[in-house]
Each structure stands twice: as C-alpha cells, then as structure tokens.
Amino acid sequence: MRANGEGSAAAPVVRGRVVDDETRCAHYRSPLDVVAIRFACCGDWYPCHLCHEEVAGHPIRPWPEGSGGELAVLCGVCRAEIAISAYRGASACRACGARFNPGCALHDGIYFGFPAGA
C-alpha cells in the first residue's frame, strides 16, 4: 500500500540486520520500532542508521532541504510509504494506526538534513 494513493506496488526490500517482517532490526526492536528509511545516498531501505553503516559501504547522506515530499519512510506494519513531511512529528502511521517510537526523533538529523516543516 502506498500512502500517497498511487495504488499498490511491490513492498520495498529492507536491508540490514532485520529481525522481523515489521522492520525491527538487531539495533532497535521494541514494539514501536516499525519503520524503515529510504536513504538519500543510495535509495535503499534500512531499519536504522546503524544497519546502513554496517551494510551499505558508504557514508550516510541525509535528505536535503526540499525533500519533504519524498516517500522515504516505510511503515513496517502495513508497508505504507510515507512522505518525510508526513512522518516527522507523527506518532503513528496514518494508514494503519501503528504507533511509532518517539525516540526515533533523536536521529532525525541523521536521516533528514533540514528542519521539520521545511
């Protein structure tokens, strides 16, 4: 399911040390850790920055300003692709209601290199 209403598409492949089919990984695996991020540097999906560092073979480059409309967040529960601007500050998936870990905001600058709302 795509959050932008474009219809269904094949679910993205999530790379890294994924623990379960809701995108929890070896680093973050609480009940609320159900997102994956599409990284700007490579276009690949990872559950977290640590998985990217272990597997990608290149440094992380955050999404630049003006990227708020990019579908770069994946809900691990329903597989909705979510725009960066819709995800930032959201406490749950708008498509299925799955709650997100509020602690992910601590890593916001790693993934998104611009202020929320920009």
PDB file of N, CA and C in Angstrom:
ATOM      1  N   MET A   1       0.847  -1.177   0.000  1.00  0.00           N
ATOM      2  CA  MET A   1       0.000   0.000   0.000  1.00  0.00           C
ATOM      3  C   MET A   1       0.889   1.235   0.000  1.00  0.00           C
ATOM      4  N   ARG A   2       0.533   2.214  -0.784  1.00  0.00           N
ATOM      5  CA  ARG A   2       1.286   3.460  -0.851  1.00  0.00           C
ATOM      6  C   ARG A   2       0.454   4.548  -0.197  1.00  0.00           C
ATOM      7  N   ALA A   3       1.086   5.299   0.696  1.00  0.00           N
ATOM      8  CA  ALA A   3       0.371   6.326   1.443  1.00  0.00           C
ATOM      9  C   ALA A   3      -0.098   7.462   0.561  1.00  0.00           C
ATOM     10  N   ASN A   4       0.448   7.613  -0.623  1.00  0.00           N
ATOM     11  CA  ASN A   4       0.053   8.717  -1.475  1.00  0.00           C
ATOM     12  C   ASN A   4      -1.094   8.366  -2.398  1.00  0.00           C
ATOM     13  N   GLY A   5      -1.664   7.194  -2.261  1.00  0.00           N
ATOM     14  CA  GLY A   5      -2.839   6.812  -3.023  1.00  0.00           C
ATOM     15  C   GLY A   5      -2.554   6.382  -4.456  1.00  0.00           C
ATOM     16  N   GLU A   6      -1.330   6.088  -4.817  1.00  0.00           N
ATOM     17  CA  GLU A   6      -1.000   5.696  -6.170  1.00  0.00           C
ATOM     18  C   GLU A   6      -1.286   4.219  -6.423  1.00  0.00           C
ATOM     19  N   GLY A   7      -1.900   3.540  -5.511  1.00  0.00           N
ATOM     20  CA  GLY A   7      -2.183   2.123  -5.691  1.00  0.00           C
ATOM     21  C   GLY A   7      -1.115   1.272  -5.065  1.00  0.00           C
ATOM     22  N   SER A   8      -1.272  -0.027  -5.176  1.00  0.00           N
ATOM     23  CA  SER A   8      -0.320  -0.912  -4.529  1.00  0.00           C
ATOM     24  C   SER A   8       0.876  -1.158  -5.436  1.00  0.00           C
ATOM     25  N   ALA A   9       1.971  -1.413  -4.823  1.00  0.00           N
ATOM     26  CA  ALA A   9       3.207  -1.735  -5.520  1.00  0.00           C
ATOM     27  C   ALA A   9       3.922  -2.782  -4.686  1.00  0.00           C
ATOM     28  N   ALA A  10       4.915  -3.404  -5.284  1.00  0.00           N
ATOM     29  CA  ALA A  10       5.692  -4.387  -4.533  1.00  0.00           C
ATOM     30  C   ALA A  10       6.328  -3.703  -3.326  1.00  0.00           C
ATOM     31  N   ALA A  11       6.291  -4.374  -2.197  1.00  0.00           N
ATOM     32  CA  ALA A  11       6.880  -3.811  -0.976  1.00  0.00           C
ATOM     33  C   ALA A  11       8.384  -3.682  -1.153  1.00  0.00           C
ATOM     34  N   PRO A  12       8.961  -2.565  -0.702  1.00  0.00           N
ATOM     35  CA  PRO A  12      10.409  -2.392  -0.806  1.00  0.00           C
ATOM     36  C   PRO A  12      11.171  -3.461  -0.024  1.00  0.00           C
ATOM     37  N   VAL A  13      12.354  -3.768  -0.512  1.00  0.00           N
ATOM     38  CA  VAL A  13      13.253  -4.675   0.193  1.00  0.00           C
ATOM     39  C   VAL A  13      13.966  -3.858   1.262  1.00  0.00           C
ATOM     40  N   VAL A  14      13.921  -4.323   2.504  1.00  0.00           N
ATOM     41  CA  VAL A  14      14.591  -3.647   3.612  1.00  0.00           C
ATOM     42  C   VAL A  14      15.881  -4.406   3.900  1.00  0.00           C
ATOM     43  N   ARG A  15      16.988  -3.679   3.838  1.00  0.00           N
ATOM     44  CA  ARG A  15      18.310  -4.279   4.017  1.00  0.00           C
ATOM     45  C   ARG A  15      18.774  -4.123   5.458  1.00  0.00           C
ATOM     46  N   GLY A  16      19.850  -4.806   5.823  1.00  0.00           N
ATOM     47  CA  GLY A  16      20.392  -4.708   7.169  1.00  0.00           C
ATOM     48  C   GLY A  16      20.054  -5.936   7.979  1.00  0.00           C
ATOM     49  N   ARG A  17      20.326  -5.843   9.272  1.00  0.00           N
ATOM     50  CA  ARG A  17      20.073  -6.986  10.162  1.00  0.00           C
ATOM     51  C   ARG A  17      18.634  -6.921  10.654  1.00  0.00           C
ATOM     52  N   VAL A  18      17.702  -7.209   9.737  1.00  0.00           N
ATOM     53  CA  VAL A  18      16.275  -7.152  10.044  1.00  0.00           C
ATOM     54  C   VAL A  18      15.896  -8.371  10.872  1.00  0.00           C
ATOM     55  N   VAL A  19      15.198  -8.133  11.966  1.00  0.00           N
ATOM     56  CA  VAL A  19      14.820  -9.194  12.891  1.00  0.00           C
ATOM     57  C   VAL A  19      13.468  -9.791  12.540  1.00  0.00           C
ATOM     58  N   ASP A  20      12.524  -8.960  12.086  1.00  0.00           N
ATOM     59  CA  ASP A  20      11.187  -9.480  11.786  1.00  0.00           C
ATOM     60  C   ASP A  20      10.577  -8.783  10.576  1.00  0.00           C
ATOM     61  N   ASP A  21       9.383  -9.227  10.171  1.00  0.00           N
ATOM     62  CA  ASP A  21       8.767  -8.652   8.982  1.00  0.00           C
ATOM     63  C   ASP A  21       8.104  -7.309   9.234  1.00  0.00           C
ATOM     64  N   GLU A  22       8.236  -6.731  10.417  1.00  0.00           N
ATOM     65  CA  GLU A  22       7.742  -5.375  10.661  1.00  0.00           C
ATOM     66  C   GLU A  22       8.913  -4.388  10.737  1.00  0.00           C
ATOM     67  N   THR A  23      10.031  -4.753  10.190  1.00  0.00           N
ATOM     68  CA  THR A  23      11.258  -3.962  10.026  1.00  0.00           C
ATOM     69  C   THR A  23      12.036  -3.683  11.305  1.00  0.00           C
ATOM     70  N   ARG A  24      11.742  -4.410  12.382  1.00  0.00           N
ATOM     71  CA  ARG A  24      12.600  -4.275  13.564  1.00  0.00           C
ATOM     72  C   ARG A  24      13.961  -4.860  13.209  1.00  0.00           C
ATOM     73  N   CYS A  25      15.007  -4.311  13.817  1.00  0.00           N
ATOM     74  CA  CYS A  25      16.346  -4.778  13.473  1.00  0.00           C
ATOM     75  C   CYS A  25      17.099  -5.166  14.736  1.00  0.00           C
ATOM     76  N   ALA A  26      18.329  -5.585  14.557  1.00  0.00           N
ATOM     77  CA  ALA A  26      19.155  -6.011  15.683  1.00  0.00           C
ATOM     78  C   ALA A  26      19.453  -4.858  16.634  1.00  0.00           C
ATOM     79  N   HIS A  27      19.359  -3.632  16.147  1.00  0.00           N
ATOM     80  CA  HIS A  27      19.687  -2.461  16.968  1.00  0.00           C
ATOM     81  C   HIS A  27      18.471  -1.867  17.675  1.00  0.00           C
ATOM     82  N   TYR A  28      17.331  -1.870  16.996  1.00  0.00           N
ATOM     83  CA  TYR A  28      16.101  -1.281  17.532  1.00  0.00           C
ATOM     84  C   TYR A  28      14.970  -2.271  17.292  1.00  0.00           C
ATOM     85  N   ARG A  29      14.465  -2.851  18.379  1.00  0.00           N
ATOM     86  CA  ARG A  29      13.465  -3.904  18.211  1.00  0.00           C
ATOM     87  C   ARG A  29      12.343  -3.860  19.248  1.00  0.00           C
ATOM     88  N   SER A  30      12.008  -2.657  19.707  1.00  0.00           N
ATOM     89  CA  SER A  30      10.869  -2.543  20.619  1.00  0.00           C
ATOM     90  C   SER A  30       9.572  -2.690  19.815  1.00  0.00           C
ATOM     91  N   PRO A  31       8.446  -2.851  20.479  1.00  0.00           N
ATOM     92  CA  PRO A  31       7.179  -2.948  19.749  1.00  0.00           C
ATOM     93  C   PRO A  31       6.894  -1.725  18.864  1.00  0.00           C
ATOM     94  N   LEU A  32       7.504  -0.585  19.168  1.00  0.00           N
ATOM     95  CA  LEU A  32       7.250   0.642  18.405  1.00  0.00           C
ATOM     96  C   LEU A  32       8.258   0.877  17.280  1.00  0.00           C
ATOM     97  N   ASP A  33       9.257   0.042  17.153  1.00  0.00           N
ATOM     98  CA  ASP A  33      10.280   0.226  16.121  1.00  0.00           C
ATOM     99  C   ASP A  33       9.838  -0.442  14.826  1.00  0.00           C
ATOM    100  N   VAL A  34       8.908   0.211  14.146  1.00  0.00           N
ATOM    101  CA  VAL A  34       8.295  -0.385  12.955  1.00  0.00           C
ATOM    102  C   VAL A  34       8.398   0.534  11.734  1.00  0.00           C
ATOM    103  N   VAL A  35       9.534   1.185  11.566  1.00  0.00           N
ATOM    104  CA  VAL A  35       9.742   1.964  10.350  1.00  0.00           C
ATOM    105  C   VAL A  35      11.073   1.580   9.714  1.00  0.00           C
ATOM    106  N   ALA A  36      11.155   1.819   8.436  1.00  0.00           N
ATOM    107  CA  ALA A  36      12.411   1.735   7.701  1.00  0.00           C
ATOM    108  C   ALA A  36      12.537   3.048   6.940  1.00  0.00           C
ATOM    109  N   ILE A  37      13.763   3.439   6.678  1.00  0.00           N
ATOM    110  CA  ILE A  37      14.043   4.698   5.993  1.00  0.00           C
ATOM    111  C   ILE A  37      14.700   4.397   4.657  1.00  0.00           C
ATOM    112  N   ARG A  38      14.248   5.105   3.616  1.00  0.00           N
ATOM    113  CA  ARG A  38      14.945   5.056   2.320  1.00  0.00           C
ATOM    114  C   ARG A  38      16.005   6.150   2.377  1.00  0.00           C
ATOM    115  N   PHE A  39      17.253   5.751   2.264  1.00  0.00           N
ATOM    116  CA  PHE A  39      18.358   6.690   2.427  1.00  0.00           C
ATOM    117  C   PHE A  39      18.604   7.459   1.134  1.00  0.00           C
ATOM    118  N   ALA A  40      18.831   8.766   1.280  1.00  0.00           N
ATOM    119  CA  ALA A  40      19.046   9.645   0.130  1.00  0.00           C
ATOM    120  C   ALA A  40      20.310   9.274  -0.629  1.00  0.00           C
ATOM    121  N   CYS A  41      21.313   8.781   0.067  1.00  0.00           N
ATOM    122  CA  CYS A  41      22.612   8.496  -0.547  1.00  0.00           C
ATOM    123  C   CYS A  41      22.566   7.341  -1.532  1.00  0.00           C
ATOM    124  N   CYS A  42      21.683   6.388  -1.315  1.00  0.00           N
ATOM    125  CA  CYS A  42      21.697   5.184  -2.151  1.00  0.00           C
ATOM    126  C   CYS A  42      20.313   4.743  -2.621  1.00  0.00           C
ATOM    127  N   GLY A  43      19.260   5.270  -2.019  1.00  0.00           N
ATOM    128  CA  GLY A  43      17.915   4.864  -2.395  1.00  0.00           C
ATOM    129  C   GLY A  43      17.479   3.552  -1.798  1.00  0.00           C
ATOM    130  N   ASP A  44      18.332   2.935  -0.975  1.00  0.00           N
ATOM    131  CA  ASP A  44      17.997   1.658  -0.347  1.00  0.00           C
ATOM    132  C   ASP A  44      17.311   1.884   0.995  1.00  0.00           C
ATOM    133  N   TRP A  45      16.509   0.911   1.374  1.00  0.00           N
ATOM    134  CA  TRP A  45      15.751   0.956   2.628  1.00  0.00           C
ATOM    135  C   TRP A  45      16.507   0.206   3.725  1.00  0.00           C
ATOM    136  N   TYR A  46      16.596   0.837   4.903  1.00  0.00           N
ATOM    137  CA  TYR A  46      17.211   0.230   6.087  1.00  0.00           C
ATOM    138  C   TYR A  46      16.350   0.546   7.300  1.00  0.00           C
ATOM    139  N   PRO A  47      16.326  -0.343   8.295  1.00  0.00           N
ATOM    140  CA  PRO A  47      15.579  -0.064   9.515  1.00  0.00           C
ATOM    141  C   PRO A  47      16.174   1.072  10.340  1.00  0.00           C
ATOM    142  N   CYS A  48      17.492   1.274  10.231  1.00  0.00           N
ATOM    143  CA  CYS A  48      18.129   2.318  11.037  1.00  0.00           C
ATOM    144  C   CYS A  48      19.468   2.713  10.450  1.00  0.00           C
ATOM    145  N   HIS A  49      20.033   3.777  10.993  1.00  0.00           N
ATOM    146  CA  HIS A  49      21.332   4.275  10.530  1.00  0.00           C
ATOM    147  C   HIS A  49      22.454   3.276  10.816  1.00  0.00           C
ATOM    148  N   LEU A  50      22.342   2.511  11.885  1.00  0.00           N
ATOM    149  CA  LEU A  50      23.378   1.530  12.209  1.00  0.00           C
ATOM    150  C   LEU A  50      23.396   0.380  11.203  1.00  0.00           C
ATOM    151  N   CYS A  51      22.222  -0.053  10.776  1.00  0.00           N
ATOM    152  CA  CYS A  51      22.157  -1.084   9.733  1.00  0.00           C
ATOM    153  C   CYS A  51      22.783  -0.562   8.451  1.00  0.00           C
ATOM    154  N   HIS A  52      22.492   0.681   8.102  1.00  0.00           N
ATOM    155  CA  HIS A  52      23.092   1.283   6.907  1.00  0.00           C
ATOM    156  C   HIS A  52      24.612   1.299   7.026  1.00  0.00           C
ATOM    157  N   GLU A  53      25.124   1.742   8.167  1.00  0.00           N
ATOM    158  CA  GLU A  53      26.572   1.807   8.369  1.00  0.00           C
ATOM    159  C   GLU A  53      27.224   0.438   8.225  1.00  0.00           C
ATOM    160  N   GLU A  54      26.557  -0.611   8.696  1.00  0.00           N
ATOM    161  CA  GLU A  54      27.121  -1.962   8.649  1.00  0.00           C
ATOM    162  C   GLU A  54      27.129  -2.570   7.244  1.00  0.00           C
ATOM    163  N   VAL A  55      26.161  -2.187   6.418  1.00  0.00           N
ATOM    164  CA  VAL A  55      25.950  -2.896   5.172  1.00  0.00           C
ATOM    165  C   VAL A  55      26.246  -2.074   3.914  1.00  0.00           C
ATOM    166  N   ALA A  56      25.959  -0.799   3.922  1.00  0.00           N
ATOM    167  CA  ALA A  56      25.950  -0.011   2.680  1.00  0.00           C
ATOM    168  C   ALA A  56      27.315   0.190   2.031  1.00  0.00           C
ATOM    169  N   GLY A  57      28.361   0.332   2.827  1.00  0.00           N
ATOM    170  CA  GLY A  57      29.679   0.538   2.255  1.00  0.00           C
ATOM    171  C   GLY A  57      29.969   1.973   1.837  1.00  0.00           C
ATOM    172  N   HIS A  58      29.152   2.901   2.280  1.00  0.00           N
ATOM    173  CA  HIS A  58      29.371   4.325   2.001  1.00  0.00           C
ATOM    174  C   HIS A  58      28.752   5.139   3.131  1.00  0.00           C
ATOM    175  N   PRO A  59      29.168   6.398   3.282  1.00  0.00           N
ATOM    176  CA  PRO A  59      28.619   7.229   4.354  1.00  0.00           C
ATOM    177  C   PRO A  59      27.167   7.627   4.085  1.00  0.00           C
ATOM    178  N   ILE A  60      26.471   7.887   5.153  1.00  0.00           N
ATOM    179  CA  ILE A  60      25.085   8.361   5.061  1.00  0.00           C
ATOM    180  C   ILE A  60      25.084   9.800   4.570  1.00  0.00           C
ATOM    181  N   ARG A  61      24.171  10.073   3.640  1.00  0.00           N
ATOM    182  CA  ARG A  61      23.901  11.446   3.225  1.00  0.00           C
ATOM    183  C   ARG A  61      22.433  11.692   3.517  1.00  0.00           C
ATOM    184  N   PRO A  62      22.123  12.671   4.373  1.00  0.00           N
ATOM    185  CA  PRO A  62      20.724  12.920   4.706  1.00  0.00           C
ATOM    186  C   PRO A  62      19.957  13.546   3.542  1.00  0.00           C
ATOM    187  N   TRP A  63      18.644  13.427   3.607  1.00  0.00           N
ATOM    188  CA  TRP A  63      17.789  14.052   2.602  1.00  0.00           C
ATOM    189  C   TRP A  63      17.966  15.564   2.676  1.00  0.00           C
ATOM    190  N   PRO A  64      18.122  16.235   1.541  1.00  0.00           N
ATOM    191  CA  PRO A  64      18.333  17.687   1.548  1.00  0.00           C
ATOM    192  C   PRO A  64      17.027  18.462   1.709  1.00  0.00           C
ATOM    193  N   GLU A  65      17.172  19.720   2.023  1.00  0.00           N
ATOM    194  CA  GLU A  65      16.013  20.609   2.111  1.00  0.00           C
ATOM    195  C   GLU A  65      15.238  20.541   0.800  1.00  0.00           C
ATOM    196  N   GLY A  66      13.933  20.582   0.904  1.00  0.00           N
ATOM    197  CA  GLY A  66      13.077  20.465  -0.270  1.00  0.00           C
ATOM    198  C   GLY A  66      12.647  19.037  -0.552  1.00  0.00           C
ATOM    199  N   SER A  67      13.053  18.098   0.292  1.00  0.00           N
ATOM    200  CA  SER A  67      12.738  16.675   0.080  1.00  0.00           C
ATOM    201  C   SER A  67      11.540  16.201   0.890  1.00  0.00           C
ATOM    202  N   GLY A  68      10.820  17.102   1.515  1.00  0.00           N
ATOM    203  CA  GLY A  68       9.705  16.704   2.382  1.00  0.00           C
ATOM    204  C   GLY A  68       8.663  15.833   1.720  1.00  0.00           C
ATOM    205  N   GLY A  69       8.493  15.948   0.418  1.00  0.00           N
ATOM    206  CA  GLY A  69       7.505  15.146  -0.297  1.00  0.00           C
ATOM    207  C   GLY A  69       7.988  13.768  -0.698  1.00  0.00           C
ATOM    208  N   GLU A  70       9.261  13.481  -0.472  1.00  0.00           N
ATOM    209  CA  GLU A  70       9.812  12.165  -0.832  1.00  0.00           C
ATOM    210  C   GLU A  70       9.184  11.056   0.010  1.00  0.00           C
ATOM    211  N   LEU A  71       8.803   9.971  -0.637  1.00  0.00           N
ATOM    212  CA  LEU A  71       8.302   8.789   0.072  1.00  0.00           C
ATOM    213  C   LEU A  71       9.521   8.025   0.569  1.00  0.00           C
ATOM    214  N   ALA A  72       9.968   8.377   1.759  1.00  0.00           N
ATOM    215  CA  ALA A  72      11.229   7.849   2.274  1.00  0.00           C
ATOM    216  C   ALA A  72      11.087   7.152   3.611  1.00  0.00           C
ATOM    217  N   VAL A  73       9.861   6.928   4.063  1.00  0.00           N
ATOM    218  CA  VAL A  73       9.621   6.213   5.317  1.00  0.00           C
ATOM    219  C   VAL A  73       8.631   5.098   5.017  1.00  0.00           C
ATOM    220  N   LEU A  74       8.914   3.931   5.530  1.00  0.00           N
ATOM    221  CA  LEU A  74       8.069   2.763   5.318  1.00  0.00           C
ATOM    222  C   LEU A  74       7.505   2.298   6.647  1.00  0.00           C
ATOM    223  N   CYS A  75       6.193   2.172   6.734  1.00  0.00           N
ATOM    224  CA  CYS A  75       5.587   1.575   7.925  1.00  0.00           C
ATOM    225  C   CYS A  75       5.788   0.070   7.813  1.00  0.00           C
ATOM    226  N   GLY A  76       6.436  -0.505   8.801  1.00  0.00           N
ATOM    227  CA  GLY A  76       6.703  -1.932   8.782  1.00  0.00           C
ATOM    228  C   GLY A  76       5.479  -2.791   9.014  1.00  0.00           C
ATOM    229  N   VAL A  77       4.408  -2.184   9.528  1.00  0.00           N
ATOM    230  CA  VAL A  77       3.193  -2.950   9.803  1.00  0.00           C
ATOM    231  C   VAL A  77       2.351  -3.113   8.534  1.00  0.00           C
ATOM    232  N   CYS A  78       2.033  -1.996   7.854  1.00  0.00           N
ATOM    233  CA  CYS A  78       1.153  -2.068   6.689  1.00  0.00           C
ATOM    234  C   CYS A  78       1.875  -1.858   5.364  1.00  0.00           C
ATOM    235  N   ARG A  79       3.164  -1.518   5.415  1.00  0.00           N
ATOM    236  CA  ARG A  79       4.003  -1.277   4.248  1.00  0.00           C
ATOM    237  C   ARG A  79       3.634  -0.004   3.487  1.00  0.00           C
ATOM    238  N   ALA A  80       2.954   0.918   4.134  1.00  0.00           N
ATOM    239  CA  ALA A  80       2.674   2.218   3.508  1.00  0.00           C
ATOM    240  C   ALA A  80       3.970   2.996   3.381  1.00  0.00           C
ATOM    241  N   GLU A  81       4.178   3.604   2.231  1.00  0.00           N
ATOM    242  CA  GLU A  81       5.299   4.505   2.039  1.00  0.00           C
ATOM    243  C   GLU A  81       4.810   5.902   2.392  1.00  0.00           C
ATOM    244  N   ILE A  82       5.555   6.557   3.256  1.00  0.00           N
ATOM    245  CA  ILE A  82       5.113   7.817   3.855  1.00  0.00           C
ATOM    246  C   ILE A  82       6.083   8.926   3.477  1.00  0.00           C
ATOM    247  N   ALA A  83       5.539  10.076   3.132  1.00  0.00           N
ATOM    248  CA  ALA A  83       6.375  11.239   2.827  1.00  0.00           C
ATOM    249  C   ALA A  83       7.088  11.702   4.094  1.00  0.00           C
ATOM    250  N   ILE A  84       8.296  12.197   3.907  1.00  0.00           N
ATOM    251  CA  ILE A  84       9.095  12.674   5.040  1.00  0.00           C
ATOM    252  C   ILE A  84       8.310  13.684   5.858  1.00  0.00           C
ATOM    253  N   SER A  85       7.666  14.646   5.199  1.00  0.00           N
ATOM    254  CA  SER A  85       6.942  15.701   5.922  1.00  0.00           C
ATOM    255  C   SER A  85       5.767  15.141   6.724  1.00  0.00           C
ATOM    256  N   ALA A  86       5.136  14.082   6.246  1.00  0.00           N
ATOM    257  CA  ALA A  86       4.021  13.471   6.975  1.00  0.00           C
ATOM    258  C   ALA A  86       4.514  12.644   8.153  1.00  0.00           C
ATOM    259  N   TYR A  87       5.700  12.061   8.023  1.00  0.00           N
ATOM    260  CA  TYR A  87       6.247  11.217   9.082  1.00  0.00           C
ATOM    261  C   TYR A  87       6.791  12.030  10.255  1.00  0.00           C
ATOM    262  N   ARG A  88       7.490  13.113   9.954  1.00  0.00           N
ATOM    263  CA  ARG A  88       8.153  13.876  11.017  1.00  0.00           C
ATOM    264  C   ARG A  88       7.113  14.441  11.979  1.00  0.00           C
ATOM    265  N   GLY A  89       7.259  14.080  13.223  1.00  0.00           N
ATOM    266  CA  GLY A  89       6.328  14.529  14.245  1.00  0.00           C
ATOM    267  C   GLY A  89       5.098  13.654  14.389  1.00  0.00           C
ATOM    268  N   ALA A  90       4.929  12.677  13.505  1.00  0.00           N
ATOM    269  CA  ALA A  90       3.774  11.778  13.595  1.00  0.00           C
ATOM    270  C   ALA A  90       4.023  10.755  14.699  1.00  0.00           C
ATOM    271  N   SER A  91       2.998  10.438  15.436  1.00  0.00           N
ATOM    272  CA  SER A  91       3.138   9.427  16.486  1.00  0.00           C
ATOM    273  C   SER A  91       2.681   8.054  16.018  1.00  0.00           C
ATOM    274  N   ALA A  92       2.025   8.020  14.852  1.00  0.00           N
ATOM    275  CA  ALA A  92       1.501   6.758  14.342  1.00  0.00           C
ATOM    276  C   ALA A  92       1.349   6.839  12.830  1.00  0.00           C
ATOM    277  N   CYS A  93       1.253   5.689  12.200  1.00  0.00           N
ATOM    278  CA  CYS A  93       1.028   5.602  10.765  1.00  0.00           C
ATOM    279  C   CYS A  93      -0.382   6.076  10.450  1.00  0.00           C
ATOM    280  N   ARG A  94      -0.492   6.956   9.491  1.00  0.00           N
ATOM    281  CA  ARG A  94      -1.814   7.460   9.097  1.00  0.00           C
ATOM    282  C   ARG A  94      -2.628   6.408   8.364  1.00  0.00           C
ATOM    283  N   ALA A  95      -1.967   5.429   7.777  1.00  0.00           N
ATOM    284  CA  ALA A  95      -2.674   4.396   7.014  1.00  0.00           C
ATOM    285  C   ALA A  95      -3.256   3.296   7.900  1.00  0.00           C
ATOM    286  N   CYS A  96      -2.484   2.861   8.924  1.00  0.00           N
ATOM    287  CA  CYS A  96      -2.946   1.716   9.720  1.00  0.00           C
ATOM    288  C   CYS A  96      -3.034   1.991  11.222  1.00  0.00           C
ATOM    289  N   GLY A  97      -2.504   3.115  11.670  1.00  0.00           N
ATOM    290  CA  GLY A  97      -2.558   3.448  13.092  1.00  0.00           C
ATOM    291  C   GLY A  97      -1.455   2.864  13.944  1.00  0.00           C
ATOM    292  N   ALA A  98      -0.528   2.117  13.332  1.00  0.00           N
ATOM    293  CA  ALA A  98       0.585   1.551  14.107  1.00  0.00           C
ATOM    294  C   ALA A  98       1.386   2.687  14.730  1.00  0.00           C
ATOM    295  N   ARG A  99       1.671   2.558  16.014  1.00  0.00           N
ATOM    296  CA  ARG A  99       2.400   3.612  16.723  1.00  0.00           C
ATOM    297  C   ARG A  99       3.886   3.538  16.401  1.00  0.00           C
ATOM    298  N   PHE A 100       4.512   4.730  16.310  1.00  0.00           N
ATOM    299  CA  PHE A 100       5.940   4.847  16.045  1.00  0.00           C
ATOM    300  C   PHE A 100       6.681   5.177  17.327  1.00  0.00           C
ATOM    301  N   ASN A 101       7.937   4.805  17.381  1.00  0.00           N
ATOM    302  CA  ASN A 101       8.785   5.083  18.537  1.00  0.00           C
ATOM    303  C   ASN A 101       9.130   6.575  18.560  1.00  0.00           C
ATOM    304  N   PRO A 102       8.712   7.303  19.601  1.00  0.00           N
ATOM    305  CA  PRO A 102       9.040   8.734  19.660  1.00  0.00           C
ATOM    306  C   PRO A 102      10.541   8.987  19.781  1.00  0.00           C
ATOM    307  N   GLY A 103      11.300   8.002  20.224  1.00  0.00           N
ATOM    308  CA  GLY A 103      12.743   8.135  20.325  1.00  0.00           C
ATOM    309  C   GLY A 103      13.427   8.254  18.974  1.00  0.00           C
ATOM    310  N   CYS A 104      12.751   7.869  17.904  1.00  0.00           N
ATOM    311  CA  CYS A 104      13.337   7.998  16.563  1.00  0.00           C
ATOM    312  C   CYS A 104      13.648   9.456  16.232  1.00  0.00           C
ATOM    313  N   ALA A 105      12.946  10.371  16.848  1.00  0.00           N
ATOM    314  CA  ALA A 105      13.194  11.798  16.602  1.00  0.00           C
ATOM    315  C   ALA A 105      14.614  12.194  16.989  1.00  0.00           C
ATOM    316  N   LEU A 106      15.241  11.440  17.873  1.00  0.00           N
ATOM    317  CA  LEU A 106      16.626  11.726  18.264  1.00  0.00           C
ATOM    318  C   LEU A 106      17.591  11.556  17.090  1.00  0.00           C
ATOM    319  N   HIS A 107      17.192  10.785  16.086  1.00  0.00           N
ATOM    320  CA  HIS A 107      18.045  10.520  14.925  1.00  0.00           C
ATOM    321  C   HIS A 107      17.600  11.302  13.695  1.00  0.00           C
ATOM    322  N   ASP A 108      16.680  12.201  13.861  1.00  0.00           N
ATOM    323  CA  ASP A 108      16.100  12.960  12.757  1.00  0.00           C
ATOM    324  C   ASP A 108      17.169  13.593  11.867  1.00  0.00           C
ATOM    325  N   GLY A 109      18.178  14.208  12.465  1.00  0.00           N
ATOM    326  CA  GLY A 109      19.226  14.883  11.708  1.00  0.00           C
ATOM    327  C   GLY A 109      20.102  13.949  10.902  1.00  0.00           C
ATOM    328  N   ILE A 110      20.159  12.688  11.283  1.00  0.00           N
ATOM    329  CA  ILE A 110      20.939  11.702  10.518  1.00  0.00           C
ATOM    330  C   ILE A 110      20.247  11.418   9.196  1.00  0.00           C
ATOM    331  N   TYR A 111      18.918  11.321   9.238  1.00  0.00           N
ATOM    332  CA  TYR A 111      18.145  10.956   8.061  1.00  0.00           C
ATOM    333  C   TYR A 111      17.749  12.157   7.209  1.00  0.00           C
ATOM    334  N   PHE A 112      17.368  13.226   7.881  1.00  0.00           N
ATOM    335  CA  PHE A 112      16.808  14.400   7.205  1.00  0.00           C
ATOM    336  C   PHE A 112      17.632  15.624   7.550  1.00  0.00           C
ATOM    337  N   GLY A 113      18.327  16.173   6.571  1.00  0.00           N
ATOM    338  CA  GLY A 113      19.250  17.280   6.821  1.00  0.00           C
ATOM    339  C   GLY A 113      18.610  18.644   6.708  1.00  0.00           C
ATOM    340  N   PHE A 114      17.355  18.746   7.113  1.00  0.00           N
ATOM    341  CA  PHE A 114      16.677  20.035   7.075  1.00  0.00           C
ATOM    342  C   PHE A 114      15.649  20.069   8.198  1.00  0.00           C
ATOM    343  N   PRO A 115      15.310  21.274   8.658  1.00  0.00           N
ATOM    344  CA  PRO A 115      14.361  21.381   9.776  1.00  0.00           C
ATOM    345  C   PRO A 115      12.971  20.872   9.391  1.00  0.00           C
ATOM    346  N   ALA A 116      12.272  20.305  10.359  1.00  0.00           N
ATOM    347  CA  ALA A 116      10.891  19.877  10.120  1.00  0.00           C
ATOM    348  C   ALA A 116      10.082  21.076   9.657  1.00  0.00           C
ATOM    349  N   GLY A 117       9.208  20.862   8.706  1.00  0.00           N
ATOM    350  CA  GLY A 117       8.387  21.928   8.162  1.00  0.00           C
ATOM    351  C   GLY A 117       9.030  22.632   6.980  1.00  0.00           C
ATOM    352  N   ALA A 118      10.287  22.299   6.675  1.00  0.00           N
ATOM    353  CA  ALA A 118      10.974  22.964   5.543  1.00  0.00           C
ATOM    354  C   ALA A 118      10.670  22.237   4.242  1.00  0.00           C
TER     355      ALA A 118
END
